[in-house]
N, C-alpha and C. Protein backbone atom coordinates (compact mmCIF):
# COMPACT_ATOMS: atom_id res chain seq x y z
N MET A 1 34.48 185.41 148.22
CA MET A 1 35.48 184.27 147.98
C MET A 1 36.42 184.32 149.16
N LYS A 2 36.69 183.13 149.45
CA LYS A 2 37.56 182.70 150.87
C LYS A 2 38.95 182.66 150.23
N ILE A 3 39.91 183.42 150.88
CA ILE A 3 41.37 183.37 150.72
C ILE A 3 41.91 182.45 151.53
N LEU A 4 42.66 181.22 150.96
CA LEU A 4 43.17 180.42 151.78
C LEU A 4 44.65 180.58 152.20
N ASN A 5 44.92 180.48 153.55
CA ASN A 5 46.31 180.81 154.07
C ASN A 5 47.25 179.64 153.50
N TYR A 6 48.61 179.90 153.98
CA TYR A 6 49.65 178.79 153.45
C TYR A 6 49.43 177.57 154.07
N LYS A 7 49.18 177.63 155.46
CA LYS A 7 48.81 176.48 156.12
C LYS A 7 47.72 175.66 155.67
N SER A 8 46.69 176.30 155.32
CA SER A 8 45.52 175.57 154.84
C SER A 8 45.70 174.93 153.32
N VAL A 9 46.58 175.57 152.63
CA VAL A 9 46.92 174.95 151.41
C VAL A 9 47.92 173.94 151.48
N LEU A 10 48.64 173.96 152.41
CA LEU A 10 49.52 172.62 152.74
C LEU A 10 48.65 171.46 153.14
N SER A 11 47.87 171.75 154.05
CA SER A 11 46.81 170.64 154.63
C SER A 11 46.08 170.02 153.38
N LEU A 12 45.76 171.00 152.49
CA LEU A 12 44.95 170.38 151.34
C LEU A 12 45.80 169.60 150.70
N LEU A 13 47.23 169.92 150.29
CA LEU A 13 47.95 169.39 149.40
C LEU A 13 48.47 168.00 150.18
N PHE A 14 48.54 167.84 151.35
CA PHE A 14 48.83 166.66 152.11
C PHE A 14 48.01 165.77 152.15
N LEU A 15 46.46 166.03 152.15
CA LEU A 15 45.36 165.33 152.04
C LEU A 15 45.09 164.67 150.66
N SER A 16 45.55 165.62 149.61
CA SER A 16 45.34 165.27 148.17
C SER A 16 46.44 163.89 148.00
N VAL A 17 47.58 164.21 148.58
CA VAL A 17 48.65 163.20 148.21
C VAL A 17 48.12 161.86 149.19
N MET A 18 47.65 161.89 149.94
CA MET A 18 47.60 160.73 151.07
C MET A 18 46.31 159.89 150.22
N LEU A 19 45.48 160.75 149.68
CA LEU A 19 44.02 160.06 148.98
C LEU A 19 44.69 159.34 147.83
N CYS A 20 45.56 159.99 147.00
CA CYS A 20 46.22 159.48 145.92
C CYS A 20 47.16 158.13 146.30
N LEU A 21 47.73 158.40 147.49
CA LEU A 21 48.66 157.06 147.71
C LEU A 21 47.78 155.98 148.10
N ASN A 22 46.67 156.33 148.85
CA ASN A 22 45.76 155.35 149.29
C ASN A 22 45.17 154.50 148.12
N SER A 23 44.82 155.41 147.14
CA SER A 23 43.90 154.72 145.86
C SER A 23 44.94 153.91 145.24
N CYS A 24 46.18 154.38 144.97
CA CYS A 24 47.16 153.55 144.28
C CYS A 24 47.66 152.27 145.16
N SER A 25 47.32 152.31 146.34
CA SER A 25 47.70 151.08 147.06
C SER A 25 46.61 150.22 146.78
N GLU A 26 45.36 150.65 147.01
CA GLU A 26 44.13 149.65 146.49
C GLU A 26 44.20 149.23 145.05
N ILE A 27 44.72 149.96 144.18
CA ILE A 27 44.79 149.43 142.90
C ILE A 27 45.60 148.26 142.85
N LYS A 28 46.94 148.54 143.49
CA LYS A 28 47.89 147.60 143.53
C LYS A 28 47.34 146.48 143.96
N GLN A 29 46.70 146.33 145.12
CA GLN A 29 46.16 145.20 145.84
C GLN A 29 45.28 144.54 145.29
N GLN A 30 44.48 145.30 144.22
CA GLN A 30 43.48 144.61 143.38
C GLN A 30 44.15 143.78 142.35
N GLN A 31 45.13 144.38 141.60
CA GLN A 31 45.93 143.78 140.86
C GLN A 31 46.54 142.53 141.22
N LEU A 32 46.93 142.47 142.52
CA LEU A 32 47.46 141.38 143.01
C LEU A 32 46.49 140.11 143.32
N VAL A 33 45.09 140.66 143.53
CA VAL A 33 44.17 139.58 144.06
C VAL A 33 43.79 138.85 142.39
N GLU A 34 43.88 139.78 141.34
CA GLU A 34 43.56 139.13 140.12
C GLU A 34 44.94 138.08 139.63
N GLU A 35 46.07 138.59 140.09
CA GLU A 35 47.21 137.54 139.88
C GLU A 35 46.97 136.36 140.58
N ALA A 36 46.58 136.64 141.99
CA ALA A 36 46.43 135.23 142.87
C ALA A 36 45.23 134.21 142.20
N ASN A 37 44.16 135.02 141.68
CA ASN A 37 43.08 134.32 141.19
C ASN A 37 43.25 133.59 140.02
N LYS A 38 44.12 134.23 138.87
CA LYS A 38 44.71 133.29 137.90
C LYS A 38 45.46 132.35 138.28
N LEU A 39 46.52 132.43 139.26
CA LEU A 39 47.27 131.32 139.65
C LEU A 39 46.71 130.18 140.41
N ASN A 40 45.65 130.42 141.08
CA ASN A 40 44.98 129.56 141.75
C ASN A 40 44.04 128.50 140.74
N ALA A 41 43.71 129.39 139.60
CA ALA A 41 42.99 128.41 138.70
C ALA A 41 43.67 127.27 138.24
N THR A 42 45.25 127.32 138.34
CA THR A 42 45.92 126.22 137.59
C THR A 42 46.38 125.47 138.95
N LEU A 43 46.12 125.71 140.06
CA LEU A 43 46.63 124.87 141.19
C LEU A 43 45.54 123.89 141.65
N PRO A 44 46.10 122.69 142.19
CA PRO A 44 47.19 122.42 142.59
C PRO A 44 48.40 122.19 141.46
N MET A 45 49.63 122.44 141.98
CA MET A 45 50.69 122.22 140.61
C MET A 45 51.71 121.49 141.42
N VAL A 46 52.40 120.42 140.66
CA VAL A 46 53.50 120.07 141.30
C VAL A 46 54.87 119.84 140.57
N THR A 47 55.91 120.24 141.23
CA THR A 47 57.24 120.41 140.68
C THR A 47 58.17 119.92 141.66
N ASP A 48 59.12 119.11 141.11
CA ASP A 48 60.25 118.69 142.22
C ASP A 48 59.78 118.36 143.42
N GLY A 49 59.05 117.54 143.64
CA GLY A 49 58.47 117.01 144.99
C GLY A 49 57.81 118.02 145.70
N ILE A 50 57.35 119.22 145.11
CA ILE A 50 56.57 120.14 146.04
C ILE A 50 55.11 120.63 145.27
N ARG A 51 54.23 120.53 146.04
CA ARG A 51 52.86 120.60 145.47
C ARG A 51 52.47 122.11 145.80
N ILE A 52 52.30 123.06 145.13
CA ILE A 52 51.68 124.40 145.28
C ILE A 52 50.31 124.19 145.41
N ASP A 53 49.76 124.46 146.51
CA ASP A 53 48.38 124.15 146.92
C ASP A 53 47.17 125.46 146.52
N LYS A 54 47.77 126.36 147.15
CA LYS A 54 46.88 127.69 146.87
C LYS A 54 47.79 128.98 147.18
N CYS A 55 47.31 129.76 146.74
CA CYS A 55 47.90 131.46 146.77
C CYS A 55 46.94 132.10 147.45
N VAL A 56 47.12 132.94 148.36
CA VAL A 56 46.10 133.86 148.99
C VAL A 56 46.96 135.51 149.11
N VAL A 57 46.11 136.48 148.87
CA VAL A 57 46.62 137.77 149.18
C VAL A 57 46.35 138.26 150.39
N GLU A 58 47.28 138.78 151.36
CA GLU A 58 47.31 139.41 152.40
C GLU A 58 47.39 140.94 152.51
N PRO A 59 47.29 141.35 153.41
CA PRO A 59 47.44 143.04 153.60
C PRO A 59 48.70 143.17 153.34
N GLY A 60 48.97 144.63 152.61
CA GLY A 60 50.32 145.09 152.52
C GLY A 60 50.94 144.50 151.53
N LEU A 61 50.12 144.15 150.12
CA LEU A 61 50.92 143.64 148.90
C LEU A 61 51.72 142.52 149.08
N THR A 62 51.09 141.41 150.13
CA THR A 62 51.85 140.26 150.32
C THR A 62 51.06 139.15 149.78
N LEU A 63 51.62 138.24 149.05
CA LEU A 63 51.23 137.12 148.47
C LEU A 63 51.69 135.81 149.13
N LYS A 64 50.96 134.93 149.72
CA LYS A 64 51.34 133.72 150.38
C LYS A 64 50.99 132.49 149.69
N TYR A 65 52.08 131.79 149.38
CA TYR A 65 51.92 130.52 148.84
C TYR A 65 51.86 129.48 149.87
N THR A 66 50.89 128.40 149.60
CA THR A 66 50.90 127.33 150.54
C THR A 66 51.34 126.20 149.80
N ALA A 67 52.50 125.49 150.39
CA ALA A 67 53.28 124.31 149.48
C ALA A 67 53.27 123.14 150.36
N THR A 68 53.22 121.96 149.74
CA THR A 68 53.40 120.87 150.57
C THR A 68 54.43 120.02 150.00
N ILE A 69 55.41 119.48 151.07
CA ILE A 69 56.57 118.86 150.52
C ILE A 69 56.03 117.36 150.38
N LEU A 70 55.94 116.82 149.16
CA LEU A 70 55.48 115.49 149.10
C LEU A 70 56.31 114.43 149.50
N GLY A 71 55.82 113.48 150.24
CA GLY A 71 56.65 112.37 150.52
C GLY A 71 57.07 112.61 151.91
N VAL A 72 56.87 113.59 152.52
CA VAL A 72 57.59 113.93 153.90
C VAL A 72 56.67 113.88 154.83
N LYS A 73 56.93 113.59 156.10
CA LYS A 73 56.19 113.56 157.32
C LYS A 73 57.08 114.42 158.44
N ALA A 74 56.39 115.26 159.16
CA ALA A 74 57.24 116.01 160.04
C ALA A 74 57.84 115.25 161.27
N LYS A 75 57.40 114.12 161.35
CA LYS A 75 58.19 113.36 162.38
C LYS A 75 59.30 112.84 161.79
N ASP A 76 59.53 112.86 160.55
CA ASP A 76 60.84 112.02 159.72
C ASP A 76 61.75 113.30 159.67
N LEU A 77 61.60 114.45 160.08
CA LEU A 77 62.48 115.56 159.59
C LEU A 77 63.25 115.98 160.78
N ASP A 78 64.29 116.43 160.60
CA ASP A 78 65.23 117.29 161.37
C ASP A 78 64.77 118.57 161.74
N PHE A 79 63.91 118.97 162.64
CA PHE A 79 63.76 120.47 162.73
C PHE A 79 64.78 121.36 163.08
N ARG A 80 65.79 120.85 163.71
CA ARG A 80 66.89 121.86 163.86
C ARG A 80 67.56 122.09 162.69
N MET A 81 67.46 121.26 161.62
CA MET A 81 68.14 121.60 160.23
C MET A 81 67.19 122.67 159.77
N LEU A 82 65.84 122.42 159.71
CA LEU A 82 64.79 123.19 158.99
C LEU A 82 64.94 124.66 159.63
N ALA A 83 65.12 124.83 160.93
CA ALA A 83 65.05 126.07 161.57
C ALA A 83 66.77 126.66 161.49
N SER A 84 67.53 125.94 160.96
CA SER A 84 68.98 126.56 160.79
C SER A 84 68.72 127.84 159.88
N GLN A 85 69.51 128.73 160.15
CA GLN A 85 69.56 130.16 159.36
C GLN A 85 70.34 129.59 157.83
N SER A 86 71.44 128.71 157.76
CA SER A 86 71.79 128.29 156.38
C SER A 86 70.66 127.44 155.67
N PHE A 87 69.81 126.96 156.14
CA PHE A 87 68.82 126.15 155.41
C PHE A 87 67.97 127.24 154.82
N LEU A 88 67.51 128.21 155.92
CA LEU A 88 66.47 129.27 155.26
C LEU A 88 67.06 130.00 154.49
N ASP A 89 68.39 130.37 154.45
CA ASP A 89 69.02 131.37 153.65
C ASP A 89 69.17 130.65 152.13
N GLN A 90 69.41 129.27 152.23
CA GLN A 90 69.65 128.62 150.86
C GLN A 90 68.11 128.73 150.19
N SER A 91 67.21 128.23 151.06
CA SER A 91 65.86 128.12 150.40
C SER A 91 65.70 129.51 149.86
N LYS A 92 65.99 130.63 150.47
CA LYS A 92 65.41 132.03 150.18
C LYS A 92 66.29 132.43 148.94
N ARG A 93 67.63 132.09 148.70
CA ARG A 93 68.32 132.34 147.64
C ARG A 93 67.81 131.66 146.54
N GLU A 94 67.35 130.36 146.59
CA GLU A 94 66.92 129.58 145.45
C GLU A 94 65.56 130.21 144.99
N ILE A 95 64.60 130.54 145.85
CA ILE A 95 63.42 131.12 145.50
C ILE A 95 63.48 132.43 144.81
N VAL A 96 64.57 133.40 145.37
CA VAL A 96 64.93 134.63 144.88
C VAL A 96 65.39 134.60 143.39
N THR A 97 66.13 133.67 143.03
CA THR A 97 66.63 133.33 141.68
C THR A 97 65.57 133.12 140.89
N MET A 98 64.73 132.12 141.33
CA MET A 98 63.56 131.69 140.42
C MET A 98 62.51 133.11 140.20
N LEU A 99 62.43 133.98 141.16
CA LEU A 99 61.64 135.00 140.95
C LEU A 99 62.04 135.99 139.97
N LYS A 100 63.60 136.30 140.19
CA LYS A 100 64.37 137.15 139.12
C LYS A 100 64.33 136.62 137.79
N ASP A 101 64.50 135.33 137.58
CA ASP A 101 64.68 134.77 136.14
C ASP A 101 63.30 134.39 135.50
N SER A 102 62.45 134.28 136.21
CA SER A 102 61.06 133.95 135.47
C SER A 102 60.08 135.03 135.07
N SER A 103 59.89 135.21 133.67
CA SER A 103 59.25 136.19 133.29
C SER A 103 57.54 135.98 133.92
N ASP A 104 57.27 134.64 134.32
CA ASP A 104 55.86 134.60 135.06
C ASP A 104 55.67 135.68 136.02
N PHE A 105 56.80 136.07 136.89
CA PHE A 105 56.75 136.87 138.06
C PHE A 105 56.86 138.52 137.68
N GLU A 106 56.98 138.73 136.36
CA GLU A 106 57.41 140.01 136.07
C GLU A 106 56.17 141.24 136.69
N GLU A 107 54.98 140.85 136.56
CA GLU A 107 53.94 141.64 137.23
C GLU A 107 54.24 141.79 138.86
N ILE A 108 54.50 140.59 139.35
CA ILE A 108 54.65 140.54 140.89
C ILE A 108 55.80 141.36 141.11
N ARG A 109 56.87 141.43 140.47
CA ARG A 109 58.12 142.32 140.74
C ARG A 109 57.67 143.63 140.62
N GLU A 110 56.96 143.82 139.49
CA GLU A 110 56.70 145.53 139.27
C GLU A 110 55.87 146.00 140.38
N LEU A 111 55.18 145.33 140.95
CA LEU A 111 54.27 145.70 142.07
C LEU A 111 55.01 145.82 143.32
N GLY A 112 56.08 145.37 143.39
CA GLY A 112 56.79 145.06 144.61
C GLY A 112 56.11 144.37 145.71
N VAL A 113 55.89 143.28 145.33
CA VAL A 113 55.06 142.41 146.30
C VAL A 113 56.17 141.60 147.27
N THR A 114 55.67 141.42 148.52
CA THR A 114 56.28 140.56 149.45
C THR A 114 55.59 139.26 149.28
N ILE A 115 56.37 138.24 149.17
CA ILE A 115 56.10 136.80 148.98
C ILE A 115 56.30 135.95 150.11
N ILE A 116 55.43 135.25 150.66
CA ILE A 116 55.65 134.22 151.68
C ILE A 116 55.51 132.65 151.22
N TYR A 117 56.37 131.98 151.42
CA TYR A 117 56.40 130.47 150.82
C TYR A 117 55.90 129.68 152.33
N SER A 118 54.94 129.20 152.68
CA SER A 118 54.69 128.40 153.85
C SER A 118 54.39 126.88 153.41
N TYR A 119 55.45 126.03 154.07
CA TYR A 119 55.55 124.91 153.47
C TYR A 119 54.97 123.84 154.81
N PHE A 120 54.57 122.72 154.52
CA PHE A 120 53.57 121.84 155.14
C PHE A 120 53.93 120.42 154.79
N ASP A 121 53.95 119.52 155.78
CA ASP A 121 54.20 118.23 155.42
C ASP A 121 52.86 117.44 154.65
N ILE A 122 52.81 116.08 154.39
CA ILE A 122 51.90 115.70 153.56
C ILE A 122 50.56 115.43 154.45
N ARG A 123 50.93 115.83 155.97
CA ARG A 123 49.74 115.57 156.81
C ARG A 123 49.07 116.96 157.25
N GLY A 124 49.87 118.04 156.57
CA GLY A 124 49.28 119.39 156.91
C GLY A 124 49.88 119.89 157.99
N ASN A 125 51.10 119.35 158.21
CA ASN A 125 51.61 120.02 159.68
C ASN A 125 52.83 121.03 159.11
N HIS A 126 52.83 122.26 159.58
CA HIS A 126 53.50 123.44 159.12
C HIS A 126 54.89 123.01 159.61
N LEU A 127 55.80 123.15 158.48
CA LEU A 127 57.12 122.95 158.53
C LEU A 127 57.95 124.34 158.79
N PHE A 128 57.79 125.26 157.86
CA PHE A 128 58.58 126.43 157.98
C PHE A 128 58.11 127.57 156.84
N ASP A 129 58.50 128.79 156.91
CA ASP A 129 58.11 129.76 156.17
C ASP A 129 59.49 130.57 155.48
N VAL A 130 59.31 131.00 154.25
CA VAL A 130 60.28 131.54 153.46
C VAL A 130 59.61 133.25 153.14
N ARG A 131 60.22 134.11 153.60
CA ARG A 131 59.58 135.39 153.20
C ARG A 131 60.59 136.18 152.63
N ILE A 132 60.27 136.61 151.48
CA ILE A 132 61.02 137.29 150.42
C ILE A 132 60.17 138.77 150.21
N THR A 133 60.85 139.77 150.19
CA THR A 133 60.46 141.14 149.99
C THR A 133 60.99 141.61 148.83
N SER A 134 60.47 142.76 148.17
CA SER A 134 60.87 143.55 147.04
C SER A 134 62.38 143.71 146.83
N ASN A 135 62.91 144.05 148.17
CA ASN A 135 64.36 144.25 148.31
C ASN A 135 65.18 143.10 147.90
N ASP A 136 64.87 142.00 148.22
CA ASP A 136 65.50 140.46 147.94
C ASP A 136 65.58 140.27 146.29
N TYR A 137 64.28 140.76 145.79
CA TYR A 137 64.32 140.41 144.14
C TYR A 137 64.54 141.40 143.28
N ASN A 138 64.89 142.64 143.91
CA ASN A 138 65.07 143.86 142.79
C ASN A 138 66.33 144.31 143.01
């Protein structure tokens, strides 16, 4: 029988913890994929002049929504306003409030997901992104 020294035991313990963390992360990522698939089955969805077109899972427990602002063309917008910090902060506050208040997002909140809303005009031109981390809604 081989006797392990203190350093070997710590190395094995560290390896075990890392394998467990990796496995937990993969389980969370799979749960997120399942949630995205459920949502995509209901899309597109229109509310308040915005159409949610699709939802994709990106690495690092990130859920990215693609949304179209209906009736808007990029050429008609003031991009200085869209790029302003006050506009982006207001957009983020509104989304965070929705995430906190809606029971539909309970599992997403529990998983600690980062959410990105990527907005486009009706011609498919990218307008802006709003990024929300678990620190924002927890």
